[in-house]
Amino acid sequence: MLKFIIKTHRKDTIYTKPHLFLLNKGMNSGKPQKEPFTNSFVIIFENESDFDTINLTAYALWKTKFWHQFLKGSVIPFLSLQDIRKEFSMKVNREIKDHEEHVKSVQALKLLEQSEKRFHENLNLINDMRRVILHRYCNR
């Protein structure tokens, strides 16, 4: 069983254990990040292996807009700590039960991330070459 604590992040708090921040206001609510947001929850883990498992779950929930159904507020939508604790724990426990499928998904996502990084590097190289060619053309 994975052990983690979810609580509201307080500015200038230093966490010694592995942790992950989740944005709690706006239409990007639930977005995970290693650096703190102004308005965020923090998930604190017992060890680094728990971090890897839960980070993927948090990313998947945010990317699929899972948290949109729990947004409250009319002007600036936000997530409540109670909803995050309840739903996030249920999703993480479900991932633990399907551990083999979870491992395969992690590997596939890492490969996609590497491919995306190479693709962006190639795009940057193409843009650099375009600039060089245009610069040479204009300076004749």
N, C-alpha and C. Protein backbone atom coordinates (compact mmCIF):
# COMPACT_ATOMS: atom_id res chain seq x y z
N MET A 1 0.83 -1.18 0.00
CA MET A 1 0.00 0.00 0.00
C MET A 1 0.88 1.25 0.00
N LEU A 2 0.58 2.16 -0.90
CA LEU A 2 1.32 3.40 -0.99
C LEU A 2 0.90 4.33 0.14
N LYS A 3 1.89 4.99 0.74
CA LYS A 3 1.60 5.93 1.81
C LYS A 3 1.90 7.33 1.32
N PHE A 4 0.90 8.21 1.42
CA PHE A 4 1.10 9.60 1.06
C PHE A 4 0.13 10.47 1.85
N ILE A 5 0.50 11.73 1.98
CA ILE A 5 -0.32 12.71 2.69
C ILE A 5 -0.63 13.83 1.72
N ILE A 6 -1.89 14.25 1.68
CA ILE A 6 -2.27 15.38 0.85
C ILE A 6 -2.71 16.51 1.77
N LYS A 7 -2.11 17.68 1.60
CA LYS A 7 -2.51 18.83 2.40
C LYS A 7 -2.28 20.10 1.61
N THR A 8 -2.78 21.21 2.14
CA THR A 8 -2.62 22.50 1.47
C THR A 8 -1.19 22.99 1.64
N HIS A 9 -0.61 23.44 0.55
CA HIS A 9 0.77 23.95 0.59
C HIS A 9 0.77 25.35 1.21
N ARG A 10 1.70 25.59 2.10
CA ARG A 10 1.89 26.91 2.70
C ARG A 10 3.19 27.50 2.15
N LYS A 11 3.12 28.76 1.78
CA LYS A 11 4.28 29.45 1.22
C LYS A 11 5.49 29.35 2.14
N ASP A 12 6.66 29.18 1.57
CA ASP A 12 7.94 29.09 2.27
C ASP A 12 8.10 27.83 3.12
N THR A 13 7.24 26.84 2.94
CA THR A 13 7.39 25.57 3.66
C THR A 13 8.39 24.70 2.89
N ILE A 14 9.30 24.09 3.62
CA ILE A 14 10.31 23.20 3.02
C ILE A 14 9.92 21.76 3.36
N TYR A 15 9.87 20.91 2.34
CA TYR A 15 9.51 19.51 2.53
C TYR A 15 10.76 18.65 2.36
N THR A 16 11.04 17.80 3.33
CA THR A 16 12.24 16.97 3.27
C THR A 16 12.00 15.67 2.52
N LYS A 17 10.79 15.16 2.58
CA LYS A 17 10.46 13.91 1.89
C LYS A 17 10.09 14.22 0.44
N PRO A 18 10.09 13.21 -0.45
CA PRO A 18 9.66 13.43 -1.83
C PRO A 18 8.23 13.99 -1.85
N HIS A 19 7.97 14.94 -2.73
CA HIS A 19 6.67 15.59 -2.76
C HIS A 19 6.32 16.04 -4.18
N LEU A 20 5.04 16.34 -4.36
CA LEU A 20 4.51 16.76 -5.64
C LEU A 20 3.43 17.81 -5.37
N PHE A 21 3.38 18.84 -6.19
CA PHE A 21 2.38 19.88 -6.00
C PHE A 21 1.28 19.75 -7.04
N LEU A 22 0.04 20.02 -6.63
CA LEU A 22 -1.11 20.01 -7.53
C LEU A 22 -1.77 21.38 -7.47
N LEU A 23 -1.93 22.00 -8.62
CA LEU A 23 -2.61 23.29 -8.71
C LEU A 23 -4.05 23.12 -8.26
N ASN A 24 -4.58 24.06 -7.46
CA ASN A 24 -5.95 23.88 -6.98
C ASN A 24 -6.91 24.98 -7.41
N LYS A 25 -6.48 25.93 -8.23
CA LYS A 25 -7.39 26.98 -8.71
C LYS A 25 -7.25 27.14 -10.21
N GLY A 26 -8.37 27.44 -10.85
CA GLY A 26 -8.38 27.69 -12.28
C GLY A 26 -8.74 26.45 -13.08
N MET A 27 -8.76 26.63 -14.40
CA MET A 27 -9.14 25.53 -15.28
C MET A 27 -8.03 24.49 -15.44
N ASN A 28 -6.85 24.78 -14.94
CA ASN A 28 -5.76 23.80 -14.95
C ASN A 28 -5.64 23.10 -13.60
N SER A 29 -6.67 23.17 -12.80
CA SER A 29 -6.63 22.54 -11.47
C SER A 29 -6.29 21.07 -11.59
N GLY A 30 -5.45 20.61 -10.67
CA GLY A 30 -5.00 19.23 -10.68
C GLY A 30 -3.69 19.03 -11.41
N LYS A 31 -3.15 20.10 -12.02
CA LYS A 31 -1.89 19.98 -12.76
C LYS A 31 -0.75 19.70 -11.79
N PRO A 32 -0.03 18.58 -12.02
CA PRO A 32 1.08 18.24 -11.13
C PRO A 32 2.37 18.95 -11.55
N GLN A 33 3.19 19.28 -10.57
CA GLN A 33 4.48 19.91 -10.85
C GLN A 33 5.39 19.73 -9.65
N LYS A 34 6.69 19.70 -9.89
CA LYS A 34 7.65 19.53 -8.80
C LYS A 34 7.89 20.84 -8.05
N GLU A 35 7.67 21.98 -8.71
CA GLU A 35 7.82 23.28 -8.08
C GLU A 35 6.46 23.76 -7.58
N PRO A 36 6.40 24.49 -6.46
CA PRO A 36 5.11 24.89 -5.91
C PRO A 36 4.41 25.97 -6.74
N PHE A 37 3.10 25.87 -6.80
CA PHE A 37 2.26 26.91 -7.36
C PHE A 37 1.86 27.83 -6.21
N THR A 38 1.34 29.02 -6.53
CA THR A 38 0.84 29.91 -5.49
C THR A 38 -0.33 29.26 -4.76
N ASN A 39 -1.25 28.69 -5.51
CA ASN A 39 -2.41 28.00 -4.93
C ASN A 39 -2.27 26.52 -5.25
N SER A 40 -1.81 25.75 -4.27
CA SER A 40 -1.60 24.34 -4.56
C SER A 40 -1.76 23.47 -3.33
N PHE A 41 -1.97 22.21 -3.62
CA PHE A 41 -1.93 21.17 -2.60
C PHE A 41 -0.58 20.50 -2.74
N VAL A 42 -0.12 19.86 -1.69
CA VAL A 42 1.13 19.13 -1.76
C VAL A 42 0.85 17.68 -1.37
N ILE A 43 1.45 16.76 -2.12
CA ILE A 43 1.36 15.34 -1.80
C ILE A 43 2.75 14.94 -1.33
N ILE A 44 2.84 14.44 -0.12
CA ILE A 44 4.12 14.06 0.47
C ILE A 44 4.19 12.54 0.53
N PHE A 45 5.29 11.96 0.05
CA PHE A 45 5.46 10.51 -0.05
C PHE A 45 6.47 10.01 0.96
N GLU A 46 6.39 8.72 1.24
CA GLU A 46 7.35 8.08 2.14
C GLU A 46 8.69 7.82 1.44
N ASN A 47 8.63 7.44 0.16
CA ASN A 47 9.87 7.16 -0.56
C ASN A 47 9.74 7.53 -2.04
N GLU A 48 10.85 7.49 -2.75
CA GLU A 48 10.92 7.94 -4.14
C GLU A 48 10.12 7.04 -5.09
N SER A 49 10.04 5.74 -4.81
CA SER A 49 9.29 4.84 -5.69
C SER A 49 7.80 5.16 -5.66
N ASP A 50 7.29 5.56 -4.51
CA ASP A 50 5.88 5.99 -4.42
C ASP A 50 5.66 7.24 -5.27
N PHE A 51 6.65 8.12 -5.28
CA PHE A 51 6.55 9.35 -6.06
C PHE A 51 6.34 9.03 -7.54
N ASP A 52 7.13 8.11 -8.09
CA ASP A 52 7.01 7.77 -9.51
C ASP A 52 5.62 7.25 -9.85
N THR A 53 5.10 6.39 -9.01
CA THR A 53 3.77 5.81 -9.25
C THR A 53 2.69 6.89 -9.20
N ILE A 54 2.73 7.70 -8.17
CA ILE A 54 1.66 8.68 -7.97
C ILE A 54 1.79 9.85 -8.95
N ASN A 55 3.01 10.18 -9.34
CA ASN A 55 3.20 11.26 -10.30
C ASN A 55 2.50 10.94 -11.62
N LEU A 56 2.62 9.72 -12.09
CA LEU A 56 1.96 9.32 -13.33
C LEU A 56 0.45 9.39 -13.18
N THR A 57 -0.06 8.93 -12.07
CA THR A 57 -1.51 8.98 -11.84
C THR A 57 -2.00 10.42 -11.83
N ALA A 58 -1.27 11.30 -11.14
CA ALA A 58 -1.65 12.71 -11.08
C ALA A 58 -1.62 13.35 -12.46
N TYR A 59 -0.60 13.03 -13.24
CA TYR A 59 -0.49 13.56 -14.60
C TYR A 59 -1.64 13.07 -15.47
N ALA A 60 -1.97 11.79 -15.37
CA ALA A 60 -3.05 11.22 -16.18
C ALA A 60 -4.39 11.86 -15.82
N LEU A 61 -4.64 12.07 -14.54
CA LEU A 61 -5.91 12.68 -14.11
C LEU A 61 -6.02 14.11 -14.63
N TRP A 62 -4.92 14.84 -14.58
CA TRP A 62 -4.94 16.22 -15.06
C TRP A 62 -5.12 16.27 -16.58
N LYS A 63 -4.36 15.45 -17.29
CA LYS A 63 -4.37 15.48 -18.75
C LYS A 63 -5.74 15.07 -19.32
N THR A 64 -6.44 14.17 -18.64
CA THR A 64 -7.75 13.73 -19.12
C THR A 64 -8.88 14.61 -18.59
N LYS A 65 -8.52 15.71 -17.91
CA LYS A 65 -9.48 16.67 -17.36
C LYS A 65 -10.44 16.03 -16.36
N PHE A 66 -9.95 15.03 -15.64
CA PHE A 66 -10.75 14.34 -14.63
C PHE A 66 -11.26 15.29 -13.56
N TRP A 67 -10.46 16.28 -13.18
CA TRP A 67 -10.81 17.15 -12.06
C TRP A 67 -11.87 18.19 -12.42
N HIS A 68 -12.17 18.38 -13.70
CA HIS A 68 -13.15 19.40 -14.09
C HIS A 68 -14.53 19.15 -13.47
N GLN A 69 -14.90 17.91 -13.28
CA GLN A 69 -16.21 17.60 -12.70
C GLN A 69 -16.30 17.98 -11.22
N PHE A 70 -15.16 18.23 -10.56
CA PHE A 70 -15.15 18.56 -9.15
C PHE A 70 -14.89 20.04 -8.89
N LEU A 71 -14.77 20.84 -9.96
CA LEU A 71 -14.50 22.27 -9.78
C LEU A 71 -15.70 22.96 -9.16
N LYS A 72 -15.40 23.86 -8.24
CA LYS A 72 -16.43 24.66 -7.56
C LYS A 72 -16.10 26.12 -7.76
N GLY A 73 -17.10 26.98 -7.58
CA GLY A 73 -16.87 28.41 -7.69
C GLY A 73 -17.36 28.95 -9.01
N SER A 74 -17.88 30.18 -8.99
CA SER A 74 -18.45 30.75 -10.20
C SER A 74 -17.48 31.64 -10.96
N VAL A 75 -16.62 32.36 -10.26
CA VAL A 75 -15.68 33.25 -10.94
C VAL A 75 -14.35 32.56 -11.19
N ILE A 76 -13.72 32.09 -10.13
CA ILE A 76 -12.47 31.34 -10.25
C ILE A 76 -12.73 29.94 -9.73
N PRO A 77 -12.79 28.96 -10.63
CA PRO A 77 -13.05 27.59 -10.19
C PRO A 77 -11.89 27.05 -9.36
N PHE A 78 -12.21 26.20 -8.40
CA PHE A 78 -11.17 25.63 -7.53
C PHE A 78 -11.57 24.22 -7.12
N LEU A 79 -10.58 23.46 -6.66
CA LEU A 79 -10.79 22.11 -6.14
C LEU A 79 -10.73 22.16 -4.63
N SER A 80 -11.58 21.39 -3.99
CA SER A 80 -11.53 21.32 -2.53
C SER A 80 -10.57 20.21 -2.10
N LEU A 81 -9.98 20.40 -0.95
CA LEU A 81 -9.04 19.42 -0.41
C LEU A 81 -9.75 18.08 -0.17
N GLN A 82 -10.99 18.14 0.27
CA GLN A 82 -11.77 16.93 0.54
C GLN A 82 -11.95 16.11 -0.74
N ASP A 83 -12.30 16.77 -1.86
CA ASP A 83 -12.47 16.05 -3.13
C ASP A 83 -11.16 15.44 -3.61
N ILE A 84 -10.08 16.19 -3.49
CA ILE A 84 -8.77 15.67 -3.91
C ILE A 84 -8.40 14.44 -3.10
N ARG A 85 -8.54 14.53 -1.79
CA ARG A 85 -8.16 13.40 -0.94
C ARG A 85 -8.97 12.15 -1.28
N LYS A 86 -10.28 12.32 -1.41
CA LYS A 86 -11.15 11.17 -1.66
C LYS A 86 -10.90 10.54 -3.03
N GLU A 87 -10.98 11.33 -4.08
CA GLU A 87 -10.89 10.81 -5.44
C GLU A 87 -9.47 10.36 -5.79
N PHE A 88 -8.47 11.12 -5.35
CA PHE A 88 -7.10 10.76 -5.67
C PHE A 88 -6.72 9.44 -5.02
N SER A 89 -7.12 9.26 -3.77
CA SER A 89 -6.82 8.00 -3.07
C SER A 89 -7.48 6.82 -3.77
N MET A 90 -8.72 7.00 -4.21
CA MET A 90 -9.41 5.92 -4.92
C MET A 90 -8.69 5.57 -6.21
N LYS A 91 -8.26 6.57 -6.97
CA LYS A 91 -7.58 6.32 -8.24
C LYS A 91 -6.22 5.65 -8.03
N VAL A 92 -5.49 6.07 -7.01
CA VAL A 92 -4.18 5.47 -6.73
C VAL A 92 -4.35 4.02 -6.32
N ASN A 93 -5.33 3.73 -5.48
CA ASN A 93 -5.58 2.34 -5.06
C ASN A 93 -5.96 1.47 -6.24
N ARG A 94 -6.70 2.00 -7.19
CA ARG A 94 -7.07 1.24 -8.38
C ARG A 94 -5.83 0.95 -9.22
N GLU A 95 -4.90 1.91 -9.29
CA GLU A 95 -3.66 1.70 -10.03
C GLU A 95 -2.81 0.60 -9.40
N ILE A 96 -2.81 0.52 -8.09
CA ILE A 96 -2.03 -0.50 -7.39
C ILE A 96 -2.54 -1.89 -7.75
N LYS A 97 -3.86 -2.03 -7.85
CA LYS A 97 -4.44 -3.33 -8.17
C LYS A 97 -4.06 -3.79 -9.57
N ASP A 98 -3.96 -2.86 -10.51
CA ASP A 98 -3.59 -3.18 -11.89
C ASP A 98 -2.11 -2.85 -12.12
N HIS A 99 -1.25 -3.36 -11.27
CA HIS A 99 0.15 -2.96 -11.27
C HIS A 99 0.87 -3.29 -12.59
N GLU A 100 0.64 -4.46 -13.15
CA GLU A 100 1.30 -4.83 -14.40
C GLU A 100 0.94 -3.88 -15.53
N GLU A 101 -0.34 -3.56 -15.64
CA GLU A 101 -0.77 -2.63 -16.67
C GLU A 101 -0.19 -1.24 -16.41
N HIS A 102 -0.10 -0.88 -15.14
CA HIS A 102 0.46 0.41 -14.76
C HIS A 102 1.93 0.51 -15.20
N VAL A 103 2.70 -0.54 -14.97
CA VAL A 103 4.12 -0.55 -15.35
C VAL A 103 4.26 -0.42 -16.86
N LYS A 104 3.43 -1.12 -17.62
CA LYS A 104 3.46 -1.01 -19.08
C LYS A 104 3.13 0.41 -19.53
N SER A 105 2.15 1.01 -18.89
CA SER A 105 1.77 2.39 -19.24
C SER A 105 2.90 3.36 -18.94
N VAL A 106 3.58 3.17 -17.83
CA VAL A 106 4.70 4.03 -17.47
C VAL A 106 5.80 3.93 -18.52
N GLN A 107 6.13 2.72 -18.93
CA GLN A 107 7.17 2.54 -19.94
C GLN A 107 6.77 3.17 -21.27
N ALA A 108 5.52 2.99 -21.67
CA ALA A 108 5.04 3.58 -22.92
C ALA A 108 5.08 5.10 -22.87
N LEU A 109 4.67 5.67 -21.74
CA LEU A 109 4.69 7.12 -21.61
C LEU A 109 6.12 7.67 -21.60
N LYS A 110 7.04 6.96 -21.00
CA LYS A 110 8.44 7.41 -21.01
C LYS A 110 9.00 7.40 -22.43
N LEU A 111 8.66 6.35 -23.21
CA LEU A 111 9.10 6.31 -24.60
C LEU A 111 8.50 7.46 -25.41
N LEU A 112 7.23 7.74 -25.19
CA LEU A 112 6.59 8.85 -25.88
C LEU A 112 7.23 10.18 -25.50
N GLU A 113 7.58 10.33 -24.25
CA GLU A 113 8.22 11.56 -23.79
C GLU A 113 9.58 11.74 -24.44
N GLN A 114 10.35 10.66 -24.55
CA GLN A 114 11.64 10.73 -25.23
C GLN A 114 11.47 11.08 -26.71
N SER A 115 10.48 10.47 -27.35
CA SER A 115 10.22 10.76 -28.76
C SER A 115 9.81 12.23 -28.94
N GLU A 116 8.99 12.71 -28.05
CA GLU A 116 8.56 14.10 -28.12
C GLU A 116 9.74 15.05 -27.94
N LYS A 117 10.64 14.72 -27.03
CA LYS A 117 11.83 15.55 -26.81
C LYS A 117 12.70 15.58 -28.06
N ARG A 118 12.93 14.41 -28.67
CA ARG A 118 13.71 14.36 -29.91
C ARG A 118 13.03 15.16 -31.02
N PHE A 119 11.71 15.05 -31.11
CA PHE A 119 10.95 15.78 -32.12
C PHE A 119 11.13 17.29 -31.94
N HIS A 120 11.04 17.78 -30.71
CA HIS A 120 11.22 19.21 -30.46
C HIS A 120 12.65 19.66 -30.75
N GLU A 121 13.62 18.81 -30.44
CA GLU A 121 15.01 19.14 -30.77
C GLU A 121 15.19 19.25 -32.28
N ASN A 122 14.58 18.32 -33.02
CA ASN A 122 14.67 18.37 -34.48
C ASN A 122 13.98 19.62 -35.03
N LEU A 123 12.84 19.98 -34.46
CA LEU A 123 12.16 21.21 -34.89
C LEU A 123 13.02 22.44 -34.65
N ASN A 124 13.69 22.46 -33.51
CA ASN A 124 14.58 23.59 -33.21
C ASN A 124 15.73 23.65 -34.20
N LEU A 125 16.29 22.49 -34.55
CA LEU A 125 17.37 22.46 -35.54
C LEU A 125 16.88 22.94 -36.91
N ILE A 126 15.70 22.52 -37.30
CA ILE A 126 15.12 22.96 -38.58
C ILE A 126 14.93 24.47 -38.58
N ASN A 127 14.41 25.02 -37.49
CA ASN A 127 14.21 26.46 -37.40
C ASN A 127 15.54 27.22 -37.44
N ASP A 128 16.56 26.66 -36.77
CA ASP A 128 17.88 27.28 -36.81
C ASP A 128 18.44 27.29 -38.23
N MET A 129 18.31 26.18 -38.93
CA MET A 129 18.79 26.12 -40.31
C MET A 129 18.02 27.10 -41.20
N ARG A 130 16.74 27.22 -40.99
CA ARG A 130 15.92 28.16 -41.76
C ARG A 130 16.43 29.59 -41.54
N ARG A 131 16.71 29.94 -40.29
CA ARG A 131 17.23 31.27 -39.97
C ARG A 131 18.58 31.52 -40.65
N VAL A 132 19.46 30.51 -40.61
CA VAL A 132 20.77 30.64 -41.23
C VAL A 132 20.62 30.88 -42.73
N ILE A 133 19.81 30.09 -43.38
CA ILE A 133 19.61 30.23 -44.82
C ILE A 133 19.01 31.59 -45.16
N LEU A 134 18.00 32.01 -44.41
CA LEU A 134 17.39 33.32 -44.66
C LEU A 134 18.37 34.46 -44.37
N HIS A 135 19.19 34.30 -43.34
CA HIS A 135 20.18 35.32 -43.01
C HIS A 135 21.21 35.45 -44.15
N ARG A 136 21.66 34.31 -44.66
CA ARG A 136 22.60 34.34 -45.79
C ARG A 136 21.96 34.98 -47.02
N TYR A 137 20.71 34.68 -47.25
CA TYR A 137 19.99 35.21 -48.41
C TYR A 137 19.86 36.74 -48.30
N CYS A 138 19.55 37.22 -47.12
CA CYS A 138 19.36 38.67 -46.93
C CYS A 138 20.66 39.44 -46.92
N ASN A 139 21.76 38.82 -46.61
CA ASN A 139 23.03 39.52 -46.49
C ASN A 139 23.90 39.41 -47.75
N ARG A 140 23.33 39.09 -48.86
CA ARG A 140 24.10 39.01 -50.12
C ARG A 140 24.39 40.38 -50.65
